Structure formats: C-alpha cells, structure tokens
Amino acid sequence: MRGRRAMVVDDERRARRCLALRLAEFSQIEVIAECANGEEALSVIGLESPDLVFLDIQMPGMDGFDLVCELQSDNMPLIIFVTAFD
C-alpha cells in the first residue's frame, strides 16, 4: 500500500515546520509540500493532487475556508483543519 501524500498550509513558517516534523514520524505519510498561503496551496494542490492537506484556518488573504471553496470536487483531498490560539 502506498503512503499518503500530504501537504501543510500555514502562514507561519514555524507552525509549518513543527507540523511537518511531527508528520515525518509516520512512515505512511509523506509531506510533499509546505505552503505559506491559500493561493500558493491552490496551485500546488492542482499540480500535485495530495491525499491530505493540513490547513490553517486563519491566514491573510485566502483563508482555509476560502481555499476549500475554490477546490474542484474531483480534485478534493482530505482536509484536516489546524489552528492555534494565543
């Protein structure tokens, strides 16, 4: 069985790296991309067709909910919303 291809989308670089490092502990998950905003993520999803997207809810510009609304249903990965509060 092939592993799950995942990407991490968060406007905070440290949050992206922390999540990617934690996901690296799971041999069945391969992080194929890290994106800093919704526009970048939309492009990468179209090119790479990941299985999973770990998606920040609050980002400047296109937030996580806006990104989900823009995705084509035939290219819809499983979305896992991630967020942090102060």
Protein backbone atom coordinates (compact mmCIF):
# COMPACT_ATOMS: atom_id res chain seq x y z
CA MET A 1 0.00 0.00 0.00
CA ARG A 2 1.39 3.40 -0.91
CA GLY A 3 1.76 6.11 1.69
CA ARG A 4 -0.44 9.15 1.94
CA ARG A 5 0.89 12.25 0.22
CA ALA A 6 0.32 15.29 2.42
CA MET A 7 0.90 18.99 2.37
CA VAL A 8 0.97 21.58 5.15
CA VAL A 9 -0.54 25.04 4.64
CA ASP A 10 0.05 27.73 7.25
CA ASP A 11 1.12 31.37 7.04
CA GLU A 12 3.51 30.88 9.97
CA ARG A 13 6.76 29.20 8.93
CA ARG A 14 7.43 27.80 12.39
CA ALA A 15 3.98 26.19 12.56
CA ARG A 16 4.52 24.58 9.13
CA ARG A 17 7.89 23.17 10.15
CA CYS A 18 6.63 21.87 13.51
CA LEU A 19 3.72 20.05 11.90
CA ALA A 20 5.88 18.68 9.07
CA LEU A 21 8.40 17.36 11.61
CA ARG A 22 5.65 15.64 13.57
CA LEU A 23 4.19 14.10 10.42
CA ALA A 24 7.66 12.80 9.47
CA GLU A 25 7.36 10.41 12.42
CA PHE A 26 4.67 8.48 10.50
CA SER A 27 6.18 6.32 7.77
CA GLN A 28 2.86 6.13 5.93
CA ILE A 29 2.74 9.94 5.44
CA GLU A 30 5.00 11.79 3.01
CA VAL A 31 4.95 15.59 3.23
CA ILE A 32 5.26 16.66 -0.39
CA ALA A 33 4.85 20.43 0.07
CA GLU A 34 4.62 23.25 2.55
CA CYS A 35 2.72 26.37 1.51
CA ALA A 36 2.58 29.79 3.18
CA ASN A 37 -0.82 30.91 1.88
CA GLY A 38 -4.04 29.79 0.25
CA GLU A 39 -3.18 30.98 -3.25
CA GLU A 40 0.08 29.01 -3.26
CA ALA A 41 -1.69 25.96 -1.84
CA LEU A 42 -4.40 26.09 -4.51
CA SER A 43 -1.74 25.95 -7.21
CA VAL A 44 0.22 23.12 -5.57
CA ILE A 45 -2.93 21.06 -4.95
CA GLY A 46 -3.76 21.36 -8.65
CA LEU A 47 -0.29 20.19 -9.65
CA GLU A 48 0.43 17.53 -7.02
CA SER A 49 -3.01 16.09 -6.08
CA PRO A 50 -2.15 15.34 -2.43
CA ASP A 51 -4.22 12.87 -0.42
CA LEU A 52 -4.21 15.04 2.72
CA VAL A 53 -3.98 18.78 3.36
CA PHE A 54 -3.26 20.05 6.85
CA LEU A 55 -4.78 23.52 6.50
CA ASP A 56 -4.62 26.55 8.77
CA ILE A 57 -7.98 28.24 9.15
CA GLN A 58 -6.83 31.83 9.70
CA MET A 59 -4.46 33.20 7.09
CA PRO A 60 -4.22 36.60 5.42
CA GLY A 61 -5.86 36.84 2.02
CA MET A 62 -7.35 33.46 1.14
CA ASP A 63 -8.07 31.70 4.44
CA GLY A 64 -8.58 27.96 4.87
CA PHE A 65 -12.33 28.10 4.27
CA ASP A 66 -11.86 30.18 1.10
CA LEU A 67 -9.34 27.65 -0.18
CA VAL A 68 -11.74 24.74 0.33
CA CYS A 69 -14.45 26.65 -1.55
CA GLU A 70 -12.07 27.11 -4.51
CA LEU A 71 -11.11 23.45 -4.85
CA GLN A 72 -12.65 21.38 -7.59
CA SER A 73 -14.67 18.49 -6.19
CA ASP A 74 -12.94 15.98 -8.50
CA ASN A 75 -9.56 17.03 -7.07
CA MET A 76 -10.57 17.29 -3.41
CA PRO A 77 -8.03 15.94 -0.92
CA LEU A 78 -8.98 15.12 2.64
CA ILE A 79 -8.78 18.40 4.57
CA ILE A 80 -7.59 18.50 8.18
CA PHE A 81 -8.03 21.96 9.64
CA VAL A 82 -5.31 23.04 12.04
CA THR A 83 -5.19 26.20 14.08
CA ALA A 84 -3.53 27.70 17.14
CA PHE A 85 -4.74 30.32 19.53
CA ASP A 86 -2.62 32.60 21.74
